C-alpha atoms as a PDB file:
ATOM      1  CA  UNK A   1      13.888   5.251  -8.453  1.00  0.00           C
ATOM      2  CA  UNK A   2      11.815   2.214  -8.026  1.00  0.00           C
ATOM      3  CA  UNK A   3       9.714   2.486  -5.211  1.00  0.00           C
ATOM      4  CA  UNK A   4       7.224  -0.679  -5.088  1.00  0.00           C
ATOM      5  CA  UNK A   5       6.827  -3.977  -7.148  1.00  0.00           C
ATOM      6  CA  UNK A   6       3.569  -6.097  -7.128  1.00  0.00           C
ATOM      7  CA  UNK A   7       2.979  -9.150  -9.226  1.00  0.00           C
ATOM      8  CA  UNK A   8       0.686 -12.298  -9.425  1.00  0.00           C
ATOM      9  CA  UNK A   9       3.445 -14.350  -9.743  1.00  0.00           C
ATOM     10  CA  UNK A  10       7.490 -14.458 -10.364  1.00  0.00           C
ATOM     11  CA  UNK A  11       6.938 -13.687 -14.124  1.00  0.00           C
ATOM     12  CA  UNK A  12       3.910 -11.504 -13.824  1.00  0.00           C
ATOM     13  CA  UNK A  13       5.151  -8.078 -11.682  1.00  0.00           C
ATOM     14  CA  UNK A  14       4.361  -4.281 -11.928  1.00  0.00           C
ATOM     15  CA  UNK A  15       7.410  -2.058 -10.667  1.00  0.00           C
ATOM     16  CA  UNK A  16       6.696   1.615 -10.350  1.00  0.00           C
ATOM     17  CA  UNK A  17       8.476   4.462  -8.669  1.00  0.00           C
ATOM     18  CA  UNK A  18       9.744   8.292  -9.157  1.00  0.00           C
ATOM     19  CA  UNK A  19       8.521  10.723 -12.138  1.00  0.00           C
ATOM     20  CA  UNK A  20       5.554   8.708 -12.818  1.00  0.00           C
ATOM     21  CA  UNK A  21       7.358   5.380 -14.380  1.00  0.00           C
ATOM     22  CA  UNK A  22       5.880   1.935 -14.077  1.00  0.00           C
ATOM     23  CA  UNK A  23       7.042  -1.048 -15.395  1.00  0.00           C
ATOM     24  CA  UNK A  24       5.723  -4.327 -16.401  1.00  0.00           C
ATOM     25  CA  UNK A  25       7.373  -7.613 -16.588  1.00  0.00           C
ATOM     26  CA  UNK A  26       5.774 -10.614 -18.218  1.00  0.00           C
ATOM     27  CA  UNK A  27       7.471 -13.833 -19.309  1.00  0.00           C
ATOM     28  CA  UNK A  28      10.970 -12.138 -18.998  1.00  0.00           C
ATOM     29  CA  UNK A  29      10.722  -8.951 -20.762  1.00  0.00           C
ATOM     30  CA  UNK A  30      10.303  -5.622 -19.258  1.00  0.00           C
ATOM     31  CA  UNK A  31       7.917  -3.027 -21.210  1.00  0.00           C
ATOM     32  CA  UNK A  32       7.536   0.647 -19.936  1.00  0.00           C
ATOM     33  CA  UNK A  33       3.414   1.616 -19.140  1.00  0.00           C
ATOM     34  CA  UNK A  34       3.012   5.366 -20.363  1.00  0.00           C
ATOM     35  CA  UNK A  35       1.779   6.763 -17.004  1.00  0.00           C
ATOM     36  CA  UNK A  36       0.993  10.553 -18.305  1.00  0.00           C
ATOM     37  CA  UNK A  37       2.539  12.126 -15.432  1.00  0.00           C
ATOM     38  CA  UNK A  38       5.491  13.022 -13.656  1.00  0.00           C
ATOM     39  CA  UNK A  39       4.359  12.246 -10.104  1.00  0.00           C
ATOM     40  CA  UNK A  40       6.288   9.983  -7.826  1.00  0.00           C
ATOM     41  CA  UNK A  41       4.276   6.812  -7.432  1.00  0.00           C
ATOM     42  CA  UNK A  42       4.691   5.573  -3.753  1.00  0.00           C
ATOM     43  CA  UNK A  43       3.020   2.206  -3.844  1.00  0.00           C
ATOM     44  CA  UNK A  44       0.890  -0.534  -6.205  1.00  0.00           C
ATOM     45  CA  UNK A  45      -1.393  -3.079  -4.894  1.00  0.00           C
ATOM     46  CA  UNK A  46      -3.558  -5.854  -7.402  1.00  0.00           C
ATOM     47  CA  UNK A  47      -6.494  -6.689  -6.760  1.00  0.00           C
ATOM     48  CA  UNK A  48      -8.337 -10.052  -8.379  1.00  0.00           C
ATOM     49  CA  UNK A  49     -11.411  -9.151 -10.024  1.00  0.00           C
ATOM     50  CA  UNK A  50     -14.683 -11.493 -10.898  1.00  0.00           C
ATOM     51  CA  UNK A  51     -12.771 -12.549 -14.099  1.00  0.00           C
ATOM     52  CA  UNK A  52     -10.093 -14.069 -12.010  1.00  0.00           C
ATOM     53  CA  UNK A  53      -7.379 -11.358 -13.639  1.00  0.00           C
ATOM     54  CA  UNK A  54      -5.833  -8.231 -11.290  1.00  0.00           C
ATOM     55  CA  UNK A  55      -6.953  -4.413 -11.565  1.00  0.00           C
ATOM     56  CA  UNK A  56      -4.167  -2.809 -10.011  1.00  0.00           C
ATOM     57  CA  UNK A  57      -4.511   0.598  -7.728  1.00  0.00           C
ATOM     58  CA  UNK A  58      -1.537   2.969  -7.441  1.00  0.00           C
ATOM     59  CA  UNK A  59      -0.909   5.464  -4.748  1.00  0.00           C
ATOM     60  CA  UNK A  60       0.716   8.659  -5.870  1.00  0.00           C
ATOM     61  CA  UNK A  61       0.301  11.235  -3.777  1.00  0.00           C
ATOM     62  CA  UNK A  62      -2.584  13.188  -3.884  1.00  0.00           C
ATOM     63  CA  UNK A  63      -3.623  11.020  -6.680  1.00  0.00           C
ATOM     64  CA  UNK A  64      -4.935   6.537  -6.833  1.00  0.00           C
ATOM     65  CA  UNK A  65      -4.481   5.842 -10.135  1.00  0.00           C
ATOM     66  CA  UNK A  66      -6.088   2.017 -11.573  1.00  0.00           C
ATOM     67  CA  UNK A  67      -4.567   0.000 -14.022  1.00  0.00           C
ATOM     68  CA  UNK A  68      -6.910  -2.181 -15.335  1.00  0.00           C
ATOM     69  CA  UNK A  69      -6.689  -5.859 -17.053  1.00  0.00           C
ATOM     70  CA  UNK A  70      -5.569  -3.976 -20.138  1.00  0.00           C
ATOM     71  CA  UNK A  71      -2.975  -1.712 -18.139  1.00  0.00           C
ATOM     72  CA  UNK A  72      -4.923   1.094 -19.739  1.00  0.00           C
ATOM     73  CA  UNK A  73      -4.582   3.458 -16.528  1.00  0.00           C
ATOM     74  CA  UNK A  74      -7.749   5.508 -14.802  1.00  0.00           C
ATOM     75  CA  UNK A  75      -7.627   8.605 -12.333  1.00  0.00           C
ATOM     76  CA  UNK A  76      -9.517   7.885  -9.273  1.00  0.00           C
ATOM     77  CA  UNK A  77     -10.160  11.441  -7.820  1.00  0.00           C
ATOM     78  CA  UNK A  78      -9.395  11.519  -4.046  1.00  0.00           C
ATOM     79  CA  UNK A  79     -10.497  14.616  -1.305  1.00  0.00           C
ATOM     80  CA  UNK A  80      -9.124  17.812  -1.359  1.00  0.00           C
ATOM     81  CA  UNK A  81      -5.385  17.454   0.884  1.00  0.00           C
ATOM     82  CA  UNK A  82      -5.277  14.230   1.111  1.00  0.00           C
ATOM     83  CA  UNK A  83      -2.260  12.087   0.392  1.00  0.00           C
ATOM     84  CA  UNK A  84      -1.904   8.708  -0.041  1.00  0.00           C
ATOM     85  CA  UNK A  85       1.866   6.947   0.195  1.00  0.00           C
ATOM     86  CA  UNK A  86       0.550   3.009   0.244  1.00  0.00           C
ATOM     87  CA  UNK A  87      -2.804   0.965  -0.980  1.00  0.00           C
ATOM     88  CA  UNK A  88      -3.895  -2.360  -0.263  1.00  0.00           C
ATOM     89  CA  UNK A  89      -6.891  -4.492  -0.279  1.00  0.00           C
ATOM     90  CA  UNK A  90      -8.577  -7.978  -1.094  1.00  0.00           C
ATOM     91  CA  UNK A  91     -11.335  -6.147  -3.084  1.00  0.00           C
ATOM     92  CA  UNK A  92     -12.307  -3.664  -5.613  1.00  0.00           C
ATOM     93  CA  UNK A  93     -15.007  -1.969  -3.380  1.00  0.00           C
ATOM     94  CA  UNK A  94     -12.926  -2.201  -0.596  1.00  0.00           C
ATOM     95  CA  UNK A  95      -9.195  -0.914  -0.177  1.00  0.00           C
ATOM     96  CA  UNK A  96      -7.406   0.559   2.763  1.00  0.00           C
ATOM     97  CA  UNK A  97      -5.172   3.953   1.643  1.00  0.00           C
ATOM     98  CA  UNK A  98      -2.755   5.554   4.150  1.00  0.00           C
ATOM     99  CA  UNK A  99      -0.671   8.233   3.960  1.00  0.00           C
ATOM    100  CA  UNK A 100      -1.725  11.133   5.982  1.00  0.00           C
ATOM    101  CA  UNK A 101      -4.010   8.578   7.919  1.00  0.00           C
ATOM    102  CA  UNK A 102      -6.235   5.300   7.282  1.00  0.00           C
ATOM    103  CA  UNK A 103      -8.828   6.174   4.662  1.00  0.00           C
ATOM    104  CA  UNK A 104     -11.193   3.442   3.083  1.00  0.00           C
ATOM    105  CA  UNK A 105     -12.150   3.561  -0.836  1.00  0.00           C
ATOM    106  CA  UNK A 106     -15.255   1.502   0.064  1.00  0.00           C
ATOM    107  CA  UNK A 107     -18.058   0.678  -2.346  1.00  0.00           C
ATOM    108  CA  UNK A 108     -16.240   3.449  -4.992  1.00  0.00           C
ATOM    109  CA  UNK A 109     -16.327   6.308  -2.223  1.00  0.00           C
ATOM    110  CA  UNK A 110     -13.641   7.629   0.429  1.00  0.00           C
ATOM    111  CA  UNK A 111     -14.069   7.141   4.269  1.00  0.00           C
ATOM    112  CA  UNK A 112     -12.222   8.491   6.793  1.00  0.00           C
ATOM    113  CA  UNK A 113     -11.523   6.094   9.452  1.00  0.00           C
ATOM    114  CA  UNK A 114     -12.043   8.030  12.888  1.00  0.00           C
ATOM    115  CA  UNK A 115      -9.145   6.697  15.394  1.00  0.00           C
ATOM    116  CA  UNK A 116      -6.227   8.114  16.765  1.00  0.00           C
ATOM    117  CA  UNK A 117      -4.713   5.284  16.279  1.00  0.00           C
ATOM    118  CA  UNK A 118      -4.380   5.666  12.483  1.00  0.00           C
ATOM    119  CA  UNK A 119      -4.364   9.491  12.228  1.00  0.00           C
ATOM    120  CA  UNK A 120      -0.753   9.121  11.034  1.00  0.00           C
ATOM    121  CA  UNK A 121      -0.547   6.299   9.429  1.00  0.00           C
ATOM    122  CA  UNK A 122       1.363   5.876   6.274  1.00  0.00           C
ATOM    123  CA  UNK A 123       1.846   2.581   5.196  1.00  0.00           C
ATOM    124  CA  UNK A 124      -0.997  -0.501   5.365  1.00  0.00           C
ATOM    125  CA  UNK A 125      -0.791  -4.679   4.194  1.00  0.00           C
ATOM    126  CA  UNK A 126      -2.728  -7.191   5.212  1.00  0.00           C
ATOM    127  CA  UNK A 127      -4.172 -10.582   4.318  1.00  0.00           C
ATOM    128  CA  UNK A 128      -7.809 -10.362   4.889  1.00  0.00           C
ATOM    129  CA  UNK A 129     -10.529  -7.569   6.052  1.00  0.00           C
ATOM    130  CA  UNK A 130     -10.080  -8.417   9.780  1.00  0.00           C
ATOM    131  CA  UNK A 131      -5.917  -8.358   9.669  1.00  0.00           C
ATOM    132  CA  UNK A 132      -4.618  -5.185   8.280  1.00  0.00           C
ATOM    133  CA  UNK A 133      -1.312  -4.002   9.724  1.00  0.00           C
ATOM    134  CA  UNK A 134       0.248  -0.081   9.412  1.00  0.00           C
ATOM    135  CA  UNK A 135       2.376   1.282  10.679  1.00  0.00           C
ATOM    136  CA  UNK A 136       1.881   5.587  12.062  1.00  0.00           C
ATOM    137  CA  UNK A 137       4.395   8.236  12.521  1.00  0.00           C
ATOM    138  CA  UNK A 138       6.881   8.717  14.447  1.00  0.00           C
ATOM    139  CA  UNK A 139       7.195   5.516  12.524  1.00  0.00           C
ATOM    140  CA  UNK A 140       7.708   2.869  15.167  1.00  0.00           C
ATOM    141  CA  UNK A 141       4.219   2.151  15.741  1.00  0.00           C
ATOM    142  CA  UNK A 142       2.461  -0.645  14.094  1.00  0.00           C
ATOM    143  CA  UNK A 143      -1.387  -1.301  14.174  1.00  0.00           C
ATOM    144  CA  UNK A 144      -3.566  -4.111  13.575  1.00  0.00           C
ATOM    145  CA  UNK A 145      -6.639  -3.886  12.473  1.00  0.00           C
ATOM    146  CA  UNK A 146      -9.327  -7.082  13.892  1.00  0.00           C
ATOM    147  CA  UNK A 147     -12.388  -6.413  11.712  1.00  0.00           C
ATOM    148  CA  UNK A 148     -13.672  -4.514  14.738  1.00  0.00           C
ATOM    149  CA  UNK A 149     -11.244  -2.000  16.559  1.00  0.00           C
ATOM    150  CA  UNK A 150      -7.829  -0.846  15.873  1.00  0.00           C
ATOM    151  CA  UNK A 151      -4.774  -1.077  18.207  1.00  0.00           C
ATOM    152  CA  UNK A 152      -1.198  -0.522  18.459  1.00  0.00           C
ATOM    153  CA  UNK A 153       1.643  -2.654  18.712  1.00  0.00           C
ATOM    154  CA  UNK A 154       4.761  -0.683  20.732  1.00  0.00           C
ATOM    155  CA  UNK A 155       8.077  -1.493  19.073  1.00  0.00           C
ATOM    156  CA  UNK A 156      11.424   0.551  20.040  1.00  0.00           C
ATOM    157  CA  UNK A 157      10.924   3.837  19.973  1.00  0.00           C
ATOM    158  CA  UNK A 158      14.614   4.496  18.465  1.00  0.00           C
ATOM    159  CA  UNK A 159      13.111   1.954  15.384  1.00  0.00           C
ATOM    160  CA  UNK A 160      11.352   4.012  12.299  1.00  0.00           C
ATOM    161  CA  UNK A 161       9.558   1.543  10.055  1.00  0.00           C
ATOM    162  CA  UNK A 162       9.408   2.372   6.395  1.00  0.00           C
ATOM    163  CA  UNK A 163       7.399  -0.910   4.843  1.00  0.00           C
ATOM    164  CA  UNK A 164       5.770  -3.980   5.923  1.00  0.00           C
ATOM    165  CA  UNK A 165       4.754  -7.326   4.540  1.00  0.00           C
ATOM    166  CA  UNK A 166       2.050  -9.517   6.466  1.00  0.00           C
ATOM    167  CA  UNK A 167       2.047 -13.224   5.842  1.00  0.00           C
ATOM    168  CA  UNK A 168       0.008 -16.382   7.392  1.00  0.00           C
ATOM    169  CA  UNK A 169       1.046 -15.510  11.050  1.00  0.00           C
ATOM    170  CA  UNK A 170       4.235 -13.579   9.861  1.00  0.00           C
ATOM    171  CA  UNK A 171       4.248  -9.519   9.940  1.00  0.00           C
ATOM    172  CA  UNK A 172       7.810  -8.483   8.987  1.00  0.00           C
ATOM    173  CA  UNK A 173       8.469  -4.301   8.859  1.00  0.00           C
ATOM    174  CA  UNK A 174      12.013  -3.268   8.174  1.00  0.00           C
ATOM    175  CA  UNK A 175      13.516   0.288   8.765  1.00  0.00           C
ATOM    176  CA  UNK A 176      16.259   1.890  10.419  1.00  0.00           C
ATOM    177  CA  UNK A 177      17.629   2.949  13.640  1.00  0.00           C
ATOM    178  CA  UNK A 178      20.348   5.912  13.948  1.00  0.00           C
ATOM    179  CA  UNK A 179      22.417   4.399  10.531  1.00  0.00           C
ATOM    180  CA  UNK A 180      21.344   0.789  10.909  1.00  0.00           C
ATOM    181  CA  UNK A 181      19.136  -1.073   8.684  1.00  0.00           C
ATOM    182  CA  UNK A 182      16.062  -2.919  11.085  1.00  0.00           C
ATOM    183  CA  UNK A 183      14.148  -5.554  10.471  1.00  0.00           C
ATOM    184  CA  UNK A 184      11.233  -6.398  12.904  1.00  0.00           C
ATOM    185  CA  UNK A 185       9.050 -10.361  13.219  1.00  0.00           C
ATOM    186  CA  UNK A 186       6.244  -9.777  14.759  1.00  0.00           C
ATOM    187  CA  UNK A 187       4.427 -13.597  14.845  1.00  0.00           C
ATOM    188  CA  UNK A 188       0.657 -13.776  15.978  1.00  0.00           C
END
């Protein structure tokens, strides 16, 4: 099962999923990358380094993995009892993670965010460090960080979101309501 796909272009994609599966698509060919684990991978996000290449970060329950520009995997230690379901960032030294709340990976150290709005955040995406969004449990709360503070955007209480994406002035959250798919589009 594939859980998330990330790519720097339509010809350079990574997909992560169940049982430690990572596959890489480059110019029409798929290649499996051995992860050395059977942990379910929940999310992947690439961050451009100073050389213009991308380092990929993988949220994997109670682990975070780093896939370097040569597709070599290393592990980043996380705090005890920390759960990672999502990762997003623009620089390797400042990543937002979400799972059992929002936590920063700042200057290669973990830093909890003390804010009741994000204590139960499990998905994170953004487009700038002053424009970050997350979904919080029970699944119908969309959080926004404006660079200074977090605020909540309440949606229909029956909606349960599982993922989101941010581009320009558009935020899209996808999920379900009872047995029907739900897509919510927010405009800034």
